[in-house]
Protein backbone atom coordinates (compact mmCIF):
# COMPACT_ATOMS: atom_id res chain seq x y z
CA MET A 1 63.49 43.02 158.82
CA LYS A 2 61.52 40.39 156.93
CA LEU A 3 61.13 40.76 153.15
CA SER A 4 57.59 41.89 152.36
CA LYS A 5 55.70 40.43 149.48
CA MET A 6 53.80 42.49 146.93
CA VAL A 7 50.01 42.15 146.92
CA SER A 8 49.04 44.34 143.96
CA VAL A 9 50.51 46.67 141.35
CA ARG A 10 48.69 49.57 139.73
CA LEU A 11 50.08 51.34 136.64
CA GLU A 12 48.72 54.72 135.59
CA ASN A 13 49.88 56.31 132.31
CA PHE A 14 52.93 54.03 132.30
CA GLN A 15 53.88 53.22 128.71
CA SER A 16 50.83 51.52 127.16
CA HIS A 17 48.97 51.19 130.47
CA LEU A 18 46.37 53.89 131.03
CA ASP A 19 45.21 52.51 134.36
CA THR A 20 46.07 48.85 134.98
CA MET A 21 45.56 47.00 138.26
CA VAL A 22 47.48 43.73 138.71
CA SER A 23 46.62 41.58 141.75
CA LEU A 24 49.28 39.05 142.81
CA SER A 25 48.58 35.80 144.60
CA LYS A 26 50.84 33.87 146.95
CA GLY A 27 53.36 31.68 145.22
CA LEU A 28 54.25 31.84 141.53
CA ASN A 29 52.47 34.42 139.32
CA VAL A 30 52.75 34.27 135.51
CA VAL A 31 51.95 37.17 133.19
CA VAL A 32 50.97 36.06 129.68
CA GLY A 33 49.75 37.96 126.68
CA GLN A 34 50.37 38.95 123.12
CA SER A 35 53.45 40.83 122.02
CA ASP A 36 53.39 44.60 122.86
CA SER A 37 50.49 44.06 125.20
CA GLY A 38 52.45 45.58 128.17
CA LYS A 39 53.88 42.54 130.03
CA THR A 40 57.40 43.94 130.17
CA ALA A 41 55.94 47.37 131.12
CA VAL A 42 54.57 45.76 134.29
CA LEU A 43 58.10 44.62 135.25
CA ARG A 44 59.50 48.06 134.34
CA GLY A 45 56.83 49.79 136.41
CA VAL A 46 57.66 47.61 139.44
CA ARG A 47 61.38 48.23 138.95
CA TRP A 48 60.79 52.02 138.63
CA ALA A 49 58.76 52.06 141.80
CA LEU A 50 61.18 49.91 143.84
CA PHE A 51 64.60 51.02 142.58
CA ASN A 52 63.94 54.34 140.75
CA GLN A 53 65.03 52.77 137.41
CA PRO A 54 64.90 53.44 134.57
CA ARG A 55 65.60 57.13 134.76
CA GLY A 56 63.99 59.85 132.70
CA THR A 57 60.38 60.14 131.46
CA ASP A 58 60.36 57.92 128.37
CA PHE A 59 57.83 55.56 130.02
CA LEU A 60 55.23 58.38 130.32
CA LYS A 61 52.20 57.57 128.18
CA VAL A 62 51.86 59.84 125.16
CA GLY A 63 49.44 62.74 125.92
CA ALA A 64 49.44 62.15 129.70
CA ASP A 65 50.61 64.79 132.22
CA PHE A 66 51.55 62.36 134.97
CA VAL A 67 52.69 58.82 135.57
CA ARG A 68 52.11 56.82 138.74
CA VAL A 69 52.88 53.30 139.95
CA THR A 70 51.26 52.05 143.19
CA ILE A 71 52.42 48.86 144.92
CA GLU A 72 50.72 47.33 147.95
CA PHE A 73 52.76 45.06 150.25
CA GLU A 74 51.77 42.26 152.54
CA ASN A 75 52.95 44.19 155.64
CA GLY A 76 50.32 46.92 155.01
CA HIS A 77 52.61 49.52 153.38
CA THR A 78 51.56 51.13 150.13
CA LEU A 79 54.29 52.62 147.99
CA VAL A 80 53.34 55.29 145.45
CA ARG A 81 55.86 56.49 142.88
CA GLU A 82 54.63 59.36 140.74
CA ARG A 83 55.99 62.05 138.51
CA THR A 84 54.40 65.12 136.94
CA SER A 85 55.77 68.17 135.19
CA SER A 86 56.43 69.77 138.60
CA LYS A 87 56.66 66.83 141.03
CA ASN A 88 58.90 63.81 141.37
CA ARG A 89 58.23 62.03 144.61
CA TYR A 90 57.56 58.89 146.64
CA ILE A 91 54.55 58.52 148.93
CA ILE A 92 54.55 55.87 151.64
CA LYS A 93 51.16 55.11 153.12
CA LYS A 94 50.28 52.99 156.13
CA LYS A 95 47.05 52.56 157.93
CA GLY A 96 46.73 54.63 161.06
CA GLN A 97 49.68 56.89 160.12
CA ASP A 98 50.09 60.08 158.09
CA ASP A 99 51.36 59.78 154.51
CA LEU A 100 55.13 60.20 154.19
CA VAL A 101 56.05 62.30 151.12
CA LEU A 102 59.68 62.12 149.94
CA GLU A 103 61.09 64.54 147.36
CA GLY A 104 64.49 65.78 146.23
CA PHE A 105 66.17 62.34 146.29
CA GLY A 106 67.76 62.59 142.82
CA SER A 107 68.76 59.23 141.21
CA SER A 108 68.97 57.31 144.52
CA VAL A 109 66.24 55.55 146.47
CA PRO A 110 65.27 57.04 149.83
CA GLU A 111 66.10 54.89 152.83
CA GLU A 112 62.45 55.08 153.97
CA VAL A 113 61.40 53.38 150.70
CA LEU A 114 63.97 50.59 151.13
CA ASN A 115 62.80 50.08 154.71
CA ALA A 116 59.21 49.82 153.46
CA HIS A 117 59.75 47.04 150.91
CA GLN A 118 63.07 45.56 152.25
CA MET A 119 64.30 44.74 148.70
CA ARG A 120 67.81 46.16 148.92
CA PRO A 121 70.14 45.73 145.91
CA PHE A 122 73.24 43.55 146.35
CA ARG A 123 76.40 45.66 146.07
CA ILE A 124 79.23 43.88 144.25
CA ASP A 125 81.80 46.67 144.41
CA ALA A 126 81.92 50.44 144.35
CA ASP A 127 80.69 50.57 140.73
CA HIS A 128 78.31 47.63 140.45
CA GLU A 129 75.06 46.57 142.13
CA TRP A 130 72.95 43.46 141.52
CA GLN A 131 69.21 43.54 141.97
CA LEU A 132 68.43 40.07 143.13
CA GLN A 133 64.71 40.53 143.65
CA ILE A 134 63.74 41.42 140.06
CA ALA A 135 65.25 40.63 136.64
CA GLN A 136 64.95 42.39 133.38
CA GLN A 137 63.50 40.97 130.19
CA LEU A 138 65.75 38.37 128.52
CA GLU A 139 68.28 38.64 131.40
CA GLY A 140 70.33 35.43 131.78
CA PRO A 141 70.28 33.48 135.04
CA PHE A 142 72.82 34.34 137.75
CA LEU A 143 74.84 37.00 135.95
CA LEU A 144 75.66 34.82 132.94
CA GLU A 145 75.55 37.91 130.77
CA GLN A 146 78.18 39.63 133.04
CA THR A 147 81.96 39.19 132.78
CA GLY A 148 83.86 36.55 134.69
CA SER A 149 85.39 39.07 137.12
CA ILE A 150 81.96 40.40 138.06
CA ARG A 151 80.63 36.94 138.62
CA ALA A 152 83.75 36.05 140.74
CA LYS A 153 83.31 39.22 142.82
CA THR A 154 79.66 38.44 143.25
CA ILE A 155 80.30 34.85 144.38
CA GLY A 156 83.09 35.99 146.69
CA ARG A 157 80.89 38.68 148.15
CA MET A 158 77.96 36.32 148.63
CA SER A 159 80.25 33.69 150.30
CA GLY A 160 82.11 36.26 152.46
CA ALA A 161 85.48 35.57 150.76
CA HIS A 162 85.83 39.28 150.12
CA TYR A 163 86.41 39.73 153.87
CA LEU A 164 89.43 37.37 153.65
CA ASP A 165 90.69 39.22 150.58
CA MET A 166 90.30 42.50 152.42
CA ALA A 167 92.12 41.13 155.49
CA ILE A 168 94.97 39.68 153.41
CA ARG A 169 95.23 42.90 151.44
CA ASP A 170 95.23 45.08 154.56
CA THR A 171 97.73 42.80 156.35
CA SER A 172 100.11 42.83 153.38
CA LYS A 173 99.81 46.59 153.25
CA ASP A 174 100.54 46.89 156.99
CA VAL A 175 103.56 44.50 156.77
CA SER A 176 104.94 46.48 153.88
CA GLN A 177 104.52 49.76 155.77
CA LEU A 178 106.14 48.32 158.94
CA THR A 179 109.09 46.94 156.96
CA GLN A 180 109.54 50.32 155.35
CA ARG A 181 109.40 52.07 158.73
CA VAL A 182 111.99 49.63 160.22
CA LYS A 183 114.35 50.47 157.38
CA TRP A 184 113.81 54.19 157.95
CA LYS A 185 114.51 53.88 161.68
CA GLU A 186 117.71 51.82 161.06
CA GLN A 187 118.88 54.48 158.62
CA GLU A 188 118.11 57.24 161.14
CA LEU A 189 119.99 55.29 163.84
CA GLU A 190 123.08 54.94 161.68
CA ALA A 191 122.92 58.65 160.78
CA ALA A 192 122.59 59.58 164.44
CA ALA A 193 125.58 57.37 165.38
CA LYS A 194 127.67 59.13 162.71
CA GLU A 195 126.55 62.55 163.94
CA LEU A 196 127.40 61.61 167.58
CA GLU A 197 130.99 60.53 166.80
CA PRO A 198 132.33 64.17 167.00
CA PHE A 199 130.72 64.46 170.46
CA LYS A 200 132.44 61.49 172.14
CA PRO A 201 134.80 63.75 174.20
CA LEU A 202 131.71 65.62 175.31
CA ASP A 203 131.77 64.04 178.81
CA GLN A 204 135.27 65.32 179.51
CA ALA A 205 134.31 68.72 178.14
CA LYS A 206 131.20 68.65 180.30
CA GLN A 207 133.32 67.97 183.43
CA GLN A 208 135.61 70.86 182.49
CA LEU A 209 132.61 73.06 181.84
CA ASP A 210 131.07 72.14 185.21
CA GLU A 211 134.37 72.97 186.90
CA GLY A 212 134.42 76.29 185.04
CA PHE A 213 130.85 77.02 186.18
CA ARG A 214 131.80 76.26 189.78
CA LEU A 215 134.77 78.63 189.53
CA LEU A 216 132.54 81.24 187.95
CA GLU A 217 130.02 80.87 190.80
CA ARG A 218 132.81 81.36 193.35
CA VAL A 219 134.02 84.44 191.47
CA LYS A 220 130.48 85.81 191.50
CA GLU A 221 130.18 85.15 195.24
CA HIS A 222 133.49 86.97 195.85
CA ALA A 223 132.34 89.84 193.65
CA GLN A 224 129.08 90.08 195.61
CA LYS A 225 131.03 90.11 198.87
CA VAL A 226 133.24 92.90 197.48
CA GLN A 227 130.12 94.90 196.54
CA VAL A 228 128.68 94.35 200.01
CA LEU A 229 131.93 95.48 201.60
CA LYS A 230 131.96 98.59 199.42
CA ARG A 231 128.40 99.43 200.44
CA LEU A 232 129.27 98.85 204.09
CA SER A 233 132.32 101.11 203.71
CA GLU A 234 130.18 103.87 202.19
CA GLN A 235 127.59 103.44 204.95
CA PHE A 236 130.39 103.62 207.54
CA LYS A 237 131.62 106.89 206.01
CA GLN A 238 128.10 108.28 205.96
CA LEU A 239 127.53 107.27 209.57
CA ASN A 240 130.79 108.95 210.60
CA GLY A 241 129.68 112.12 208.79
CA GLN A 242 126.27 111.98 210.49
CA LYS A 243 127.95 111.37 213.82
CA SER A 244 130.16 114.47 213.42
CA GLN A 245 127.07 116.49 212.40
CA LEU A 246 125.17 115.20 215.42
CA ASP A 247 128.11 116.11 217.67
CA GLN A 248 128.07 119.65 216.26
CA THR A 249 124.32 119.83 216.70
CA ILE A 250 124.58 118.58 220.30
CA ARG A 251 127.19 121.24 221.03
CA LYS A 252 124.93 123.89 219.47
CA VAL A 253 121.85 122.87 221.46
CA LYS A 254 123.71 122.49 224.73
CA ASP A 255 122.06 125.69 226.06
CA LEU A 256 118.65 124.84 224.59
CA ASN A 257 116.77 125.33 227.88
CA THR A 258 118.12 128.86 228.23
CA TRP A 259 117.16 129.55 224.62
CA GLU A 260 113.65 128.29 225.24
CA LEU A 261 113.22 130.66 228.23
CA LEU A 262 114.53 133.57 226.19
CA PHE A 263 112.27 132.63 223.30
CA LEU A 264 109.22 132.56 225.59
CA LYS A 265 110.13 135.98 226.99
CA LEU A 266 110.63 137.27 223.49
CA GLN A 267 107.19 135.97 222.48
CA GLN A 268 105.61 137.73 225.50
CA LEU A 269 107.36 141.00 224.65
CA THR A 270 106.27 140.70 221.04
CA ALA A 271 102.65 140.19 222.12
CA LYS A 272 102.83 143.26 224.38
CA ARG A 273 104.34 145.23 221.55
CA TYR A 274 101.42 144.30 219.31
CA GLN A 275 99.01 145.38 222.08
CA LEU A 276 100.77 148.73 222.48
CA SER A 277 100.72 149.25 218.72
CA SER A 278 96.96 148.66 218.62
CA VAL A 279 96.45 151.07 221.59
CA GLN A 280 98.55 153.68 219.81
CA SER A 281 96.45 153.30 216.65
CA GLU A 282 93.27 153.68 218.72
CA TRP A 283 94.71 156.76 220.42
CA GLN A 284 95.56 158.36 217.03
CA ARG A 285 92.03 157.66 215.77
CA ILE A 286 90.46 159.18 218.92
CA SER A 287 92.69 162.26 218.62
CA LYS A 288 91.52 162.73 215.05
CA ASP A 289 87.84 162.41 216.09
CA LEU A 290 88.42 164.86 218.96
CA SER A 291 89.90 167.43 216.57
CA THR A 292 86.85 167.08 214.31
CA CYS A 293 84.50 167.58 217.24
CA GLN A 294 86.40 170.66 218.42
CA THR A 295 86.02 172.17 214.95
CA TRP A 296 82.25 171.57 215.02
CA LEU A 297 81.95 173.03 218.53
CA THR A 298 83.74 176.19 217.38
CA LYS A 299 81.35 176.50 214.45
CA THR A 300 78.27 176.12 216.68
CA GLU A 301 79.15 178.51 219.56
CA SER A 302 76.32 181.03 218.65
CA ILE A 303 73.60 178.37 218.30
CA ASP A 304 71.64 179.65 221.36
CA GLU A 305 71.29 183.19 219.90
CA VAL A 306 70.16 181.79 216.60
CA ASP A 307 67.57 179.67 218.41
CA GLN A 308 66.13 182.71 220.20
CA LEU A 309 66.02 184.69 216.95
CA ALA A 310 64.18 181.84 215.24
CA LYS A 311 61.56 181.73 218.00
CA ALA A 312 61.02 185.55 217.72
CA LEU A 313 60.66 185.26 213.96
CA ALA A 314 58.05 182.51 214.36
CA ASN A 315 56.00 184.79 216.69
CA LYS A 316 56.23 187.64 214.24
CA VAL A 317 55.01 185.44 211.39
CA THR A 318 51.96 184.51 213.49
CA GLN A 319 51.21 188.23 214.20
CA THR A 320 51.54 189.07 210.50
CA LEU A 321 48.93 186.51 209.56
CA HIS A 322 46.54 187.97 212.17
CA LEU A 323 47.09 191.54 210.83
CA GLN A 324 46.26 190.37 207.30
CA ARG A 325 42.91 189.06 208.52
CA LEU A 326 42.22 192.45 210.34
CA LYS A 327 43.07 194.40 207.20
CA LYS A 328 40.51 192.47 205.25
CA ASN A 329 37.83 193.25 207.92
CA LYS A 330 38.73 196.98 207.78
CA GLU A 331 38.17 197.06 204.03
CA ASN A 332 34.74 195.50 204.53
CA VAL A 333 33.81 198.14 207.24
CA THR A 334 34.95 201.01 204.98
CA GLU A 335 32.74 199.77 202.19
CA ASN A 336 29.78 199.54 204.63
CA ILE A 337 30.33 203.18 205.87
CA ALA A 338 30.41 204.46 202.30
CA ALA A 339 27.15 202.64 201.60
CA LEU A 340 25.50 204.19 204.75
CA LYS A 341 26.61 207.68 203.75
CA GLY A 342 24.98 207.15 200.36
CA HIS A 343 21.78 206.08 202.09
CA LEU A 344 21.80 209.17 204.38
CA GLU A 345 22.19 211.54 201.44
CA ARG A 346 19.39 209.84 199.61
CA THR A 347 17.08 210.13 202.74
CA HIS A 348 17.86 213.76 203.62
CA PHE A 349 14.61 215.03 201.98
CA LEU A 350 12.57 213.05 204.59
CA GLN A 351 13.11 215.83 207.24
CA SER A 352 10.44 217.97 205.51
CA PHE A 353 7.85 215.19 205.73
CA ASN A 354 4.68 215.42 208.07
CA GLU A 355 3.97 213.65 211.34
CA GLU A 356 3.05 210.58 209.51
CA HIS A 357 6.46 210.27 208.28
CA VAL A 358 7.98 211.23 211.65
CA THR A 359 7.58 207.80 212.99
CA ASP A 360 9.36 206.47 210.03
CA LEU A 361 11.99 209.08 210.35
CA ARG A 362 12.49 208.28 214.02
CA LYS A 363 12.98 204.74 213.08
CA LYS A 364 15.47 205.84 210.49
CA VAL A 365 17.10 208.07 213.09
CA MET A 366 17.41 205.18 215.40
CA LYS A 367 18.86 203.24 212.56
CA THR A 368 21.13 206.16 211.87
CA GLN A 369 22.26 206.12 215.51
CA GLN A 370 22.90 202.51 215.18
CA LEU A 371 24.88 203.25 212.08
CA ARG A 372 26.85 205.87 213.94
CA GLU A 373 27.55 203.44 216.69
CA ARG A 374 28.67 201.12 214.04
CA LEU A 375 30.72 203.92 212.50
CA GLU A 376 32.35 204.44 215.83
CA TRP A 377 33.00 200.79 215.99
CA LEU A 378 34.43 201.06 212.52
CA GLN A 379 36.57 203.99 213.60
CA LYS A 380 37.81 201.92 216.40
CA THR A 381 38.39 199.13 213.97
CA THR A 382 40.30 201.56 211.75
CA ASP A 383 42.55 202.39 214.62
CA GLU A 384 43.06 198.79 215.21
CA GLU A 385 43.74 198.43 211.48
CA ASN A 386 46.41 201.05 211.68
CA GLU A 387 47.91 199.19 214.55
CA LEU A 388 47.70 196.07 212.48
CA LEU A 389 49.40 197.85 209.57
CA LYS A 390 52.26 198.61 211.82
CA ARG A 391 52.36 195.00 212.85
CA LYS A 392 52.15 194.06 209.19
CA GLN A 393 55.25 196.03 208.45
CA LEU A 394 56.89 194.24 211.28
CA ALA A 395 55.62 190.91 209.91
CA HIS A 396 56.95 191.83 206.48
CA THR A 397 60.28 192.25 208.10
CA VAL A 398 59.79 188.86 209.72
CA LEU A 399 58.91 187.31 206.36
CA GLN A 400 62.05 188.73 204.87
CA ALA A 401 63.86 186.98 207.69
CA TYR A 402 61.96 183.67 207.11
CA PRO A 403 64.80 181.99 205.04
CA LEU A 404 67.01 182.81 207.95
CA ALA A 405 64.49 180.96 210.15
CA GLU A 406 64.83 177.89 207.97
CA SER A 407 68.59 178.04 208.24
CA VAL A 408 68.11 178.51 211.97
CA SER A 409 65.97 175.37 212.03
CA GLN A 410 68.67 173.42 210.20
CA THR A 411 71.23 174.92 212.52
CA PHE A 412 69.10 173.83 215.45
CA GLU A 413 69.07 170.26 214.12
CA ARG A 414 72.82 170.40 213.62
CA THR A 415 73.08 171.73 217.14
CA GLN A 416 71.30 168.67 218.42
CA VAL A 417 73.63 166.46 216.36
CA LEU A 418 76.61 168.37 217.67
CA SER A 419 75.28 167.95 221.20
CA ARG A 420 75.30 164.22 220.65
CA TYR A 421 78.82 164.52 219.21
CA GLN A 422 79.73 166.57 222.30
CA GLU A 423 78.57 163.72 224.49
CA LYS A 424 80.58 161.24 222.40
CA ILE A 425 83.62 163.53 222.57
CA THR A 426 83.29 163.70 226.32
CA LEU A 427 83.13 159.92 226.43
CA LEU A 428 86.09 159.63 224.01
CA LYS A 429 88.10 162.06 226.09
CA LYS A 430 87.44 159.92 229.08
CA ARG A 431 88.49 156.78 227.15
CA LEU A 432 91.48 158.68 225.75
CA GLU A 433 92.58 159.59 229.23
CA GLU A 434 92.19 155.93 230.24
CA GLY A 435 94.10 154.82 227.07
CA ALA A 436 96.89 157.32 227.74
CA ALA A 437 97.17 156.00 231.28
CA PHE A 438 97.28 152.42 229.90
CA VAL A 439 99.91 153.44 227.29
CA ALA A 440 102.02 155.07 229.97
CA HIS A 441 101.71 152.00 232.16
CA SER A 442 102.56 149.70 229.20
CA LYS A 443 105.55 151.84 228.22
CA GLN A 444 106.77 151.65 231.76
CA GLN A 445 106.36 147.83 231.71
CA GLU A 446 108.05 147.65 228.28
CA GLN A 447 110.99 149.67 229.52
CA GLU A 448 111.23 147.38 232.54
CA GLN A 449 111.05 144.24 230.32
CA VAL A 450 113.63 145.65 227.88
CA ALA A 451 115.92 146.43 230.81
CA ARG A 452 115.48 142.87 232.14
CA TYR A 453 116.03 141.37 228.66
CA THR A 454 119.18 143.47 228.18
CA GLU A 455 120.46 142.38 231.58
CA ALA A 456 119.70 138.73 230.72
CA LEU A 457 121.51 138.98 227.37
CA SER A 458 124.46 140.69 229.00
CA ALA A 459 124.60 137.96 231.63
CA LEU A 460 124.41 135.17 229.01
CA ASN A 461 126.76 137.00 226.60
CA LEU A 462 124.87 135.40 223.62
CA CYS A 463 123.40 136.80 220.43
CA PRO A 464 119.55 136.27 220.50
CA THR A 465 119.54 135.80 216.67
CA CYS A 466 122.37 133.33 215.91
CA GLY A 467 123.05 132.00 219.43
CA GLN A 468 126.79 132.74 219.21
CA PRO A 469 128.76 134.64 221.91
CA ILE A 470 128.58 138.38 221.33
CA LYS A 471 132.37 138.85 221.38
CA GLN A 472 132.92 136.02 218.87
CA LYS A 473 130.24 137.50 216.60
CA GLU A 474 131.90 140.93 216.77
CA GLU A 475 135.27 139.33 215.93
CA SER A 476 133.74 137.48 212.95
CA LYS A 477 132.26 140.78 211.71
């Protein structure tokens, strides 16, 4: 980038300057004035703003709380360097752009500031820099106040001779390193040759070792063949054993068809045996039920007589209730007769009355006749009452026999139950007869099958359990 020229410098609270504005024109500018009027302070302010030197705060005006130096450049940038008790920063301003604030840069100069003014210091070596753009007060021209070595370095650096020095130095260093490495490799080669001398007969030993490995491989192959032959021998023995077992098995199952027929017959006989066992169990259960029914029939032989007696007792109970009602009517009639007799005694004096009272007496006589008729009716009722008393006595007897009637009723119910049992017994007897006939028929078939099975075993002369001949089995026993 092109070096930018300064247009103006403003110093605020910098040494003796409270607020000084210095405008610079193109070409040479000369600052004149009396001693201690602040000419050098202008150069220091510019140097502090451009290169952050000098360090510290000694240039702060006495009594001020901030110091600021503002420089305007020809390219439109404005560089502000300010410091307060809490801030130490650069501000780069440019028209049409936001202000760039830089803080925390320490003793160096931010790269953005160097890019703004393009006044970079000239680096002589790692420890020295030369600020070409601005000189200090009383500084000699072209580093005359520096030592000869610094001046030589500076001239060499400005002419580019330092690149040749660096190349020569690096080349010498590389040649030295390569020479040293060649020596090391030659020494390693000699050491390796000495170490390899004991291994010169290694080729012959290798041939012998290869021959040994080949022999060892052949031995291993023979050993594997021996193992295979051993396994084959064992398999042959096992196969011979299996063959002999198979021969024995074949001899044992030679009569397998006959055994299968006998086994089927045996299964059929076993099934029939299970059927006969179930029929026998059913027959035993039916016999037990029949015995129970016979016992109940014996106990209920007189059930008809008890039924008749119960019916007679029920009739007598009905008659007794009727006699009780008649007895109550008789007592009412007796009371009425006694009342009429009292009335007649009280009206006996009316017979001595005159004709006037005759009519009344006749009426009373008629009433008396009516009462007599009623008395006769009562007499008749009394007779009937006596008859009823007799019936009452009979009913009393019936009442005494009433618990017996209840037991007769229960007995009647049991009789009905027993009648149903009698029907079941009849049916069971019928089934029992059928079961007995079936059992007899099955026994006959079983005897026939056993006879056939015995004949078949005798003809085969074999044991049905182990399959061996019966004579041989007897001899082994």
